[in-house]
Structures are given as C-alpha cells and as structure tokens.
C-alpha atoms as a PDB file:
ATOM      1  CA  MET A   1     113.880 104.646 104.122  1.00  0.00           C
ATOM      2  CA  ARG A   2     114.417 101.842 106.589  1.00  0.00           C
ATOM      3  CA  LEU A   3     111.514 101.266 108.972  1.00  0.00           C
ATOM      4  CA  PRO A   4     111.332  99.592 112.388  1.00  0.00           C
ATOM      5  CA  ASN A   5     110.149  95.985 112.223  1.00  0.00           C
ATOM      6  CA  GLU A   6     107.024  97.026 114.140  1.00  0.00           C
ATOM      7  CA  ALA A   7     105.847  98.954 111.071  1.00  0.00           C
ATOM      8  CA  HIS A   8     105.547  95.616 109.299  1.00  0.00           C
ATOM      9  CA  ASP A   9     104.559  93.367 112.187  1.00  0.00           C
ATOM     10  CA  SER A  10     101.668  95.673 113.137  1.00  0.00           C
ATOM     11  CA  HIS A  11      99.789  94.364 110.077  1.00  0.00           C
ATOM     12  CA  ARG A  12      98.419  90.834 109.962  1.00  0.00           C
ATOM     13  CA  TRP A  13     100.141  89.793 106.752  1.00  0.00           C
ATOM     14  CA  LEU A  14      99.594  86.288 105.433  1.00  0.00           C
ATOM     15  CA  ILE A  15     103.351  85.775 105.257  1.00  0.00           C
ATOM     16  CA  GLY A  16     103.355  85.734 109.063  1.00  0.00           C
ATOM     17  CA  GLU A  17     101.219  82.580 108.962  1.00  0.00           C
ATOM     18  CA  ILE A  18     103.210  80.976 106.151  1.00  0.00           C
ATOM     19  CA  ALA A  19     106.673  81.689 107.564  1.00  0.00           C
ATOM     20  CA  PRO A  20     106.283  82.103 111.355  1.00  0.00           C
ATOM     21  CA  ASP A  21     109.644  80.402 111.888  1.00  0.00           C
ATOM     22  CA  PHE A  22     111.494  82.992 109.769  1.00  0.00           C
ATOM     23  CA  THR A  23     113.095  86.144 111.179  1.00  0.00           C
ATOM     24  CA  LEU A  24     112.040  89.554 109.876  1.00  0.00           C
ATOM     25  CA  LEU A  25     115.455  90.956 109.043  1.00  0.00           C
ATOM     26  CA  ASP A  26     114.652  94.334 107.487  1.00  0.00           C
ATOM     27  CA  VAL A  27     111.709  96.552 106.567  1.00  0.00           C
ATOM     28  CA  TRP A  28     111.978  99.298 103.962  1.00  0.00           C
ATOM     29  CA  ALA A  29     109.508 101.930 102.784  1.00  0.00           C
ATOM     30  CA  LEU A  30     109.730 102.090  99.004  1.00  0.00           C
ATOM     31  CA  PRO A  31     109.329 105.371  97.081  1.00  0.00           C
ATOM     32  CA  VAL A  32     106.271 103.956  95.337  1.00  0.00           C
ATOM     33  CA  GLY A  33     102.801 105.292  95.981  1.00  0.00           C
ATOM     34  CA  GLY A  34      99.377 105.299  94.415  1.00  0.00           C
ATOM     35  CA  ARG A  35      95.757 104.343  94.725  1.00  0.00           C
ATOM     36  CA  ARG A  36      94.325 101.183  96.226  1.00  0.00           C
ATOM     37  CA  ASP A  37      94.180  99.444  92.846  1.00  0.00           C
ATOM     38  CA  ASP A  38      97.733 100.389  91.739  1.00  0.00           C
ATOM     39  CA  PHE A  39      99.386  97.411  93.442  1.00  0.00           C
ATOM     40  CA  ASP A  40      99.168  95.250  90.316  1.00  0.00           C
ATOM     41  CA  ALA A  41     100.807  98.011  88.261  1.00  0.00           C
ATOM     42  CA  PHE A  42     103.672  98.142  90.744  1.00  0.00           C
ATOM     43  CA  LEU A  43     104.168  94.383  90.543  1.00  0.00           C
ATOM     44  CA  ALA A  44     104.095  94.517  86.754  1.00  0.00           C
ATOM     45  CA  ALA A  45     106.859  97.124  86.830  1.00  0.00           C
ATOM     46  CA  LEU A  46     109.111  94.569  88.551  1.00  0.00           C
ATOM     47  CA  ALA A  47     109.475  92.885  85.175  1.00  0.00           C
ATOM     48  CA  PHE A  48     112.107  95.558  84.470  1.00  0.00           C
ATOM     49  CA  PHE A  49     113.905  95.318  87.830  1.00  0.00           C
ATOM     50  CA  ASP A  50     117.527  94.169  87.506  1.00  0.00           C
ATOM     51  CA  PRO A  51     119.395  94.882  90.758  1.00  0.00           C
ATOM     52  CA  ALA A  52     122.675  93.328  89.642  1.00  0.00           C
ATOM     53  CA  HIS A  53     123.180  95.377  86.485  1.00  0.00           C
ATOM     54  CA  THR A  54     121.695  98.796  87.223  1.00  0.00           C
ATOM     55  CA  GLY A  55     122.207 101.361  89.942  1.00  0.00           C
ATOM     56  CA  THR A  56     125.498 102.816  91.114  1.00  0.00           C
ATOM     57  CA  THR A  57     128.930 101.512  90.227  1.00  0.00           C
ATOM     58  CA  LEU A  58     129.427 100.471  93.836  1.00  0.00           C
ATOM     59  CA  THR A  59     126.210  98.454  94.054  1.00  0.00           C
ATOM     60  CA  ARG A  60     126.952  96.762  90.731  1.00  0.00           C
ATOM     61  CA  PHE A  61     130.399  95.852  92.033  1.00  0.00           C
ATOM     62  CA  LEU A  62     128.964  94.416  95.271  1.00  0.00           C
ATOM     63  CA  PHE A  63     126.481  92.314  93.332  1.00  0.00           C
ATOM     64  CA  TRP A  64     129.239  91.175  90.979  1.00  0.00           C
ATOM     65  CA  LEU A  65     131.403  90.216  93.962  1.00  0.00           C
ATOM     66  CA  ARG A  66     128.581  88.235  95.606  1.00  0.00           C
ATOM     67  CA  LEU A  67     127.615  86.462  92.397  1.00  0.00           C
ATOM     68  CA  ARG A  68     131.238  85.695  91.595  1.00  0.00           C
ATOM     69  CA  ALA A  69     131.772  84.194  95.036  1.00  0.00           C
ATOM     70  CA  GLY A  70     128.556  82.220  94.690  1.00  0.00           C
ATOM     71  CA  ALA A  71     129.656  80.805  91.346  1.00  0.00           C
ATOM     72  CA  LEU A  72     133.149  79.887  92.528  1.00  0.00           C
ATOM     73  CA  LEU A  73     132.017  78.326  95.813  1.00  0.00           C
ATOM     74  CA  GLY A  74     128.808  76.749  94.539  1.00  0.00           C
ATOM     75  CA  TRP A  75     126.546  78.710  96.886  1.00  0.00           C
ATOM     76  CA  ASP A  76     123.908  79.285  94.218  1.00  0.00           C
ATOM     77  CA  ASP A  77     124.012  75.926  92.415  1.00  0.00           C
ATOM     78  CA  PRO A  78     120.399  75.423  91.206  1.00  0.00           C
ATOM     79  CA  THR A  79     120.838  71.648  91.027  1.00  0.00           C
ATOM     80  CA  LYS A  80     121.260  71.335  94.799  1.00  0.00           C
ATOM     81  CA  GLU A  81     118.201  70.382  96.820  1.00  0.00           C
ATOM     82  CA  ARG A  82     118.238  72.490  99.974  1.00  0.00           C
ATOM     83  CA  ARG A  83     115.764  72.090 102.789  1.00  0.00           C
ATOM     84  CA  ILE A  84     114.519  75.062 104.741  1.00  0.00           C
ATOM     85  CA  PRO A  85     116.785  75.157 107.822  1.00  0.00           C
ATOM     86  CA  GLY A  86     115.214  73.167 110.625  1.00  0.00           C
ATOM     87  CA  CYS A  87     112.421  71.829 108.396  1.00  0.00           C
ATOM     88  CA  SER A  88     111.691  68.902 106.117  1.00  0.00           C
ATOM     89  CA  GLU A  89     110.303  71.169 103.373  1.00  0.00           C
ATOM     90  CA  SER A  90     112.477  72.566 100.615  1.00  0.00           C
ATOM     91  CA  SER A  91     110.043  75.344  99.680  1.00  0.00           C
ATOM     92  CA  LEU A  92     107.476  77.536 101.412  1.00  0.00           C
ATOM     93  CA  ALA A  93     105.156  76.860  98.475  1.00  0.00           C
ATOM     94  CA  VAL A  94     103.792  73.823 100.309  1.00  0.00           C
ATOM     95  CA  ARG A  95     102.561  76.138 103.093  1.00  0.00           C
ATOM     96  CA  VAL A  96     100.674  78.509 100.779  1.00  0.00           C
ATOM     97  CA  PRO A  97      96.875  78.037 100.973  1.00  0.00           C
ATOM     98  CA  ASP A  98      95.456  76.120  98.013  1.00  0.00           C
ATOM     99  CA  ALA A  99      93.298  79.102  97.057  1.00  0.00           C
ATOM    100  CA  LEU A 100      96.440  81.150  96.430  1.00  0.00           C
ATOM    101  CA  ALA A 101      98.455  78.511  94.596  1.00  0.00           C
ATOM    102  CA  ASP A 102     100.005  79.942  91.414  1.00  0.00           C
ATOM    103  CA  THR A 103      98.537  83.422  92.017  1.00  0.00           C
ATOM    104  CA  ALA A 104     101.969  85.055  92.010  1.00  0.00           C
ATOM    105  CA  GLU A 105     102.898  83.592  88.634  1.00  0.00           C
ATOM    106  CA  ASP A 106     100.374  85.886  86.959  1.00  0.00           C
ATOM    107  CA  HIS A 107     102.494  88.864  87.984  1.00  0.00           C
ATOM    108  CA  ALA A 108     105.805  89.548  86.331  1.00  0.00           C
ATOM    109  CA  ILE A 109     109.155  89.170  88.012  1.00  0.00           C
ATOM    110  CA  SER A 110     112.269  89.961  86.023  1.00  0.00           C
ATOM    111  CA  ASN A 111     114.440  87.205  84.598  1.00  0.00           C
ATOM    112  CA  ALA A 112     117.338  88.800  86.470  1.00  0.00           C
ATOM    113  CA  MET A 113     115.591  88.251  89.808  1.00  0.00           C
ATOM    114  CA  ARG A 114     114.832  84.658  88.844  1.00  0.00           C
ATOM    115  CA  THR A 115     118.547  83.936  88.461  1.00  0.00           C
ATOM    116  CA  THR A 116     120.311  86.240  90.951  1.00  0.00           C
ATOM    117  CA  ALA A 117     122.019  84.420  93.869  1.00  0.00           C
ATOM    118  CA  GLY A 118     119.984  81.266  93.450  1.00  0.00           C
ATOM    119  CA  GLY A 119     116.923  83.007  92.042  1.00  0.00           C
ATOM    120  CA  PHE A 120     113.647  84.271  93.481  1.00  0.00           C
ATOM    121  CA  THR A 121     110.563  82.094  92.992  1.00  0.00           C
ATOM    122  CA  PRO A 122     107.113  83.681  93.431  1.00  0.00           C
ATOM    123  CA  LEU A 123     104.978  82.225  96.239  1.00  0.00           C
ATOM    124  CA  TYR A 124     101.619  84.015  96.262  1.00  0.00           C
ATOM    125  CA  LYS A 125      99.798  87.256  95.597  1.00  0.00           C
ATOM    126  CA  THR A 126      96.776  88.875  97.294  1.00  0.00           C
ATOM    127  CA  ASP A 127      95.189  92.312  96.926  1.00  0.00           C
ATOM    128  CA  ASP A 128      97.914  93.862  99.081  1.00  0.00           C
ATOM    129  CA  GLU A 129     100.710  91.277  99.388  1.00  0.00           C
ATOM    130  CA  TRP A 130     103.199  89.526  97.116  1.00  0.00           C
ATOM    131  CA  ALA A 131     105.968  87.196  98.223  1.00  0.00           C
ATOM    132  CA  ALA A 132     108.847  85.327  96.615  1.00  0.00           C
ATOM    133  CA  GLU A 133     111.433  83.006  98.139  1.00  0.00           C
ATOM    134  CA  ILE A 134     115.115  82.431  97.505  1.00  0.00           C
ATOM    135  CA  SER A 135     117.267  79.507  98.579  1.00  0.00           C
ATOM    136  CA  ASN A 136     121.036  79.184  98.424  1.00  0.00           C
ATOM    137  CA  ASP A 137     123.886  77.948 100.616  1.00  0.00           C
ATOM    138  CA  THR A 138     123.791  81.036 102.848  1.00  0.00           C
ATOM    139  CA  VAL A 139     120.074  81.508 103.625  1.00  0.00           C
ATOM    140  CA  HIS A 140     116.528  80.616 102.784  1.00  0.00           C
ATOM    141  CA  GLY A 141     114.860  83.980 102.415  1.00  0.00           C
ATOM    142  CA  VAL A 142     111.610  85.710 101.501  1.00  0.00           C
ATOM    143  CA  MET A 143     111.059  89.059  99.828  1.00  0.00           C
ATOM    144  CA  HIS A 144     107.630  90.329 100.867  1.00  0.00           C
ATOM    145  CA  LEU A 145     106.052  93.332  99.146  1.00  0.00           C
ATOM    146  CA  ALA A 146     103.029  94.983 100.735  1.00  0.00           C
ATOM    147  CA  TRP A 147     100.664  97.788  99.717  1.00  0.00           C
ATOM    148  CA  VAL A 148     100.101  99.787 102.897  1.00  0.00           C
ATOM    149  CA  GLN A 149      97.397 102.395 103.378  1.00  0.00           C
ATOM    150  CA  GLN A 150      98.627 105.795 104.570  1.00  0.00           C
ATOM    151  CA  PRO A 151      96.818 108.359 106.755  1.00  0.00           C
ATOM    152  CA  ASP A 152      95.865 110.423 103.703  1.00  0.00           C
ATOM    153  CA  GLY A 153      94.115 107.456 102.094  1.00  0.00           C
ATOM    154  CA  ARG A 154      96.877 106.812  99.581  1.00  0.00           C
ATOM    155  CA  TYR A 155      98.953 103.630  99.501  1.00  0.00           C
ATOM    156  CA  ARG A 156     102.708 103.025  99.692  1.00  0.00           C
ATOM    157  CA  ALA A 157     104.824 100.005  98.836  1.00  0.00           C
ATOM    158  CA  GLN A 158     106.738  98.397 101.672  1.00  0.00           C
ATOM    159  CA  MET A 159     109.302  95.603 101.549  1.00  0.00           C
ATOM    160  CA  GLY A 160     109.986  93.093 104.293  1.00  0.00           C
ATOM    161  CA  VAL A 161     112.930  90.676 104.154  1.00  0.00           C
ATOM    162  CA  TYR A 162     112.594  87.402 106.057  1.00  0.00           C
ATOM    163  CA  VAL A 163     115.440  84.926 106.501  1.00  0.00           C
ATOM    164  CA  LYS A 164     116.505  81.620 107.939  1.00  0.00           C
ATOM    165  CA  PRO A 165     120.301  81.397 107.895  1.00  0.00           C
ATOM    166  CA  ARG A 166     121.942  78.073 107.077  1.00  0.00           C
ATOM    167  CA  GLY A 167     123.773  77.286 110.289  1.00  0.00           C
ATOM    168  CA  TRP A 168     126.725  79.213 111.657  1.00  0.00           C
ATOM    169  CA  PHE A 169     127.978  80.058 108.177  1.00  0.00           C
ATOM    170  CA  GLY A 170     124.696  81.736 107.245  1.00  0.00           C
ATOM    171  CA  ARG A 171     124.635  83.719 110.474  1.00  0.00           C
ATOM    172  CA  VAL A 172     128.212  84.923 109.983  1.00  0.00           C
ATOM    173  CA  TYR A 173     127.477  85.784 106.358  1.00  0.00           C
ATOM    174  CA  LEU A 174     124.453  87.904 107.288  1.00  0.00           C
ATOM    175  CA  LYS A 175     126.419  89.708 109.970  1.00  0.00           C
ATOM    176  CA  CYS A 176     129.286  90.459 107.581  1.00  0.00           C
ATOM    177  CA  ILE A 177     127.073  91.936 104.872  1.00  0.00           C
ATOM    178  CA  GLU A 178     124.842  93.900 107.265  1.00  0.00           C
ATOM    179  CA  PRO A 179     126.622  97.277 106.922  1.00  0.00           C
ATOM    180  CA  PHE A 180     126.750  96.974 103.133  1.00  0.00           C
ATOM    181  CA  ARG A 181     123.082  95.992 103.027  1.00  0.00           C
ATOM    182  CA  HIS A 182     121.904  98.885 105.192  1.00  0.00           C
ATOM    183  CA  LEU A 183     124.207 101.657 103.999  1.00  0.00           C
ATOM    184  CA  ILE A 184     124.700 100.882 100.311  1.00  0.00           C
ATOM    185  CA  VAL A 185     122.687  98.104  98.702  1.00  0.00           C
ATOM    186  CA  TYR A 186     119.119  98.599  99.958  1.00  0.00           C
ATOM    187  CA  PRO A 187     119.151 102.415  99.744  1.00  0.00           C
ATOM    188  CA  ALA A 188     120.363 102.146  96.151  1.00  0.00           C
ATOM    189  CA  LEU A 189     117.785  99.498  95.285  1.00  0.00           C
ATOM    190  CA  THR A 190     114.909 101.505  96.753  1.00  0.00           C
ATOM    191  CA  ARG A 191     115.952 104.512  94.659  1.00  0.00           C
ATOM    192  CA  GLN A 192     116.087 102.263  91.599  1.00  0.00           C
ATOM    193  CA  VAL A 193     112.573 100.970  92.315  1.00  0.00           C
ATOM    194  CA  GLY A 194     111.346 104.560  92.724  1.00  0.00           C
ATOM    195  CA  ARG A 195     112.785 105.624  89.361  1.00  0.00           C
ATOM    196  CA  MET A 196     111.311 102.562  87.692  1.00  0.00           C
ATOM    197  CA  TRP A 197     107.876 103.329  89.149  1.00  0.00           C
ATOM    198  CA  ARG A 198     107.950 106.985  88.149  1.00  0.00           C
ATOM    199  CA  ALA A 199     108.861 105.975  84.616  1.00  0.00           C
ATOM    200  CA  THR A 200     106.013 103.463  84.488  1.00  0.00           C
ATOM    201  CA  VAL A 201     103.079 105.146  86.193  1.00  0.00           C
ATOM    202  CA  ALA A 202     102.060 108.773  85.848  1.00  0.00           C
ATOM    203  CA  ASP A 203      99.990 108.994  89.039  1.00  0.00           C
ATOM    204  CA  VAL A 204     102.664 108.777  91.699  1.00  0.00           C
ATOM    205  CA  THR A 205     103.143 109.903  95.276  1.00  0.00           C
ATOM    206  CA  PRO A 206     106.902 110.706  95.591  1.00  0.00           C
END
C-alpha cells in the first residue's frame, strides 16, 4: 500500500540528516510485520530478494526492458564515477556518522540487488532503519527501510525511496516511469517481499 509522504516524514529518521537534499519520492507500507526485535530477521530475508527475476511476467519484462536499455546506453556502467547531483561527493557513505560505518554490511542484501541498474550499496543500519544507495546515469537514489511501531504495539516494515535526478534527463525519466512504478512495479514488489517474509518467519502480522 502506498502511503502519503507525511507517514514517513513524521518520524525523525537518520536518513533525513544524511540526505536532506534528496527528495522523498515514494513511501510504501510493506506486508511485513512482527515484534520489536524482528527487524534483523526481515533484513536477513532480503538476501533472497531478486526483483528482476521473480514476480509477475509483466514486472519481469519491465525490469528486463530497463536493464537492457541501461546496458545498451551505458546508464549503469559501474566503471563510471558519478557525483551526487549538485554535490562534490560521489557517495552518501561519507555523510554517515563514524559510529555507524560498515553497520549495514553485517546484514544481507541479495547479489541481484547489488547488480541491478547500477547496484545498491548498503549505507548504514540502526535498530529501526536500514539504507542503501544506488547511482546510475538517471538518478542517485536511496532505498530506506524502517521498522515502524503500530498502535497495537506491533511493528511494520516501511520503505521510503529518495532520489536526486541527474539533470533534465533524470527528471524526464522519473516522470515517464511514474505510472509503471506506482501501478505495476512497486505493488508487485511489495507482494513479493510479503511472500518472502511469510516463508521465512512464522510469527507474522499479515
């Protein structure tokens, strides 16, 4: 389920201090729930997350199309050094507090996510946050996962997507893929995450 940005911004997440110049593009409630201390189990389950090769035929085709375009046009070339738009830094890792350096590396992220569209690189992990960045010729982006307490005392996973488009091309690209992202890709991915969680952890809040 897509949430209003206020559902994410109402919390004082560390990512807001690390990436204040990024735009919060989307917020999604994930069908993943549990106890306070289940956040690590959820992150560990991401080791099996492969968005480009699972899910519906349509989502697999859209990922194939994006990755094919990226390969042909060089959008995702890992040898390119790309600066964060408007900044001298090439990675948000330099903004992460020293106390959290390398904390995210202790938590699994699938090899597929490390290579998809330029690849996600973990940034940091706290008791209720985990973030990874991605950089290619279209955007510099952040996937932020949070463990949010609910009124009944349980916790639910929530995903925020932050971006900085690369110039006019990045802005046009984001606008063009917006309907596919909202109507097809993210709904399918959230269902995939839910199935993965239910298969991994017995104590689940649907």
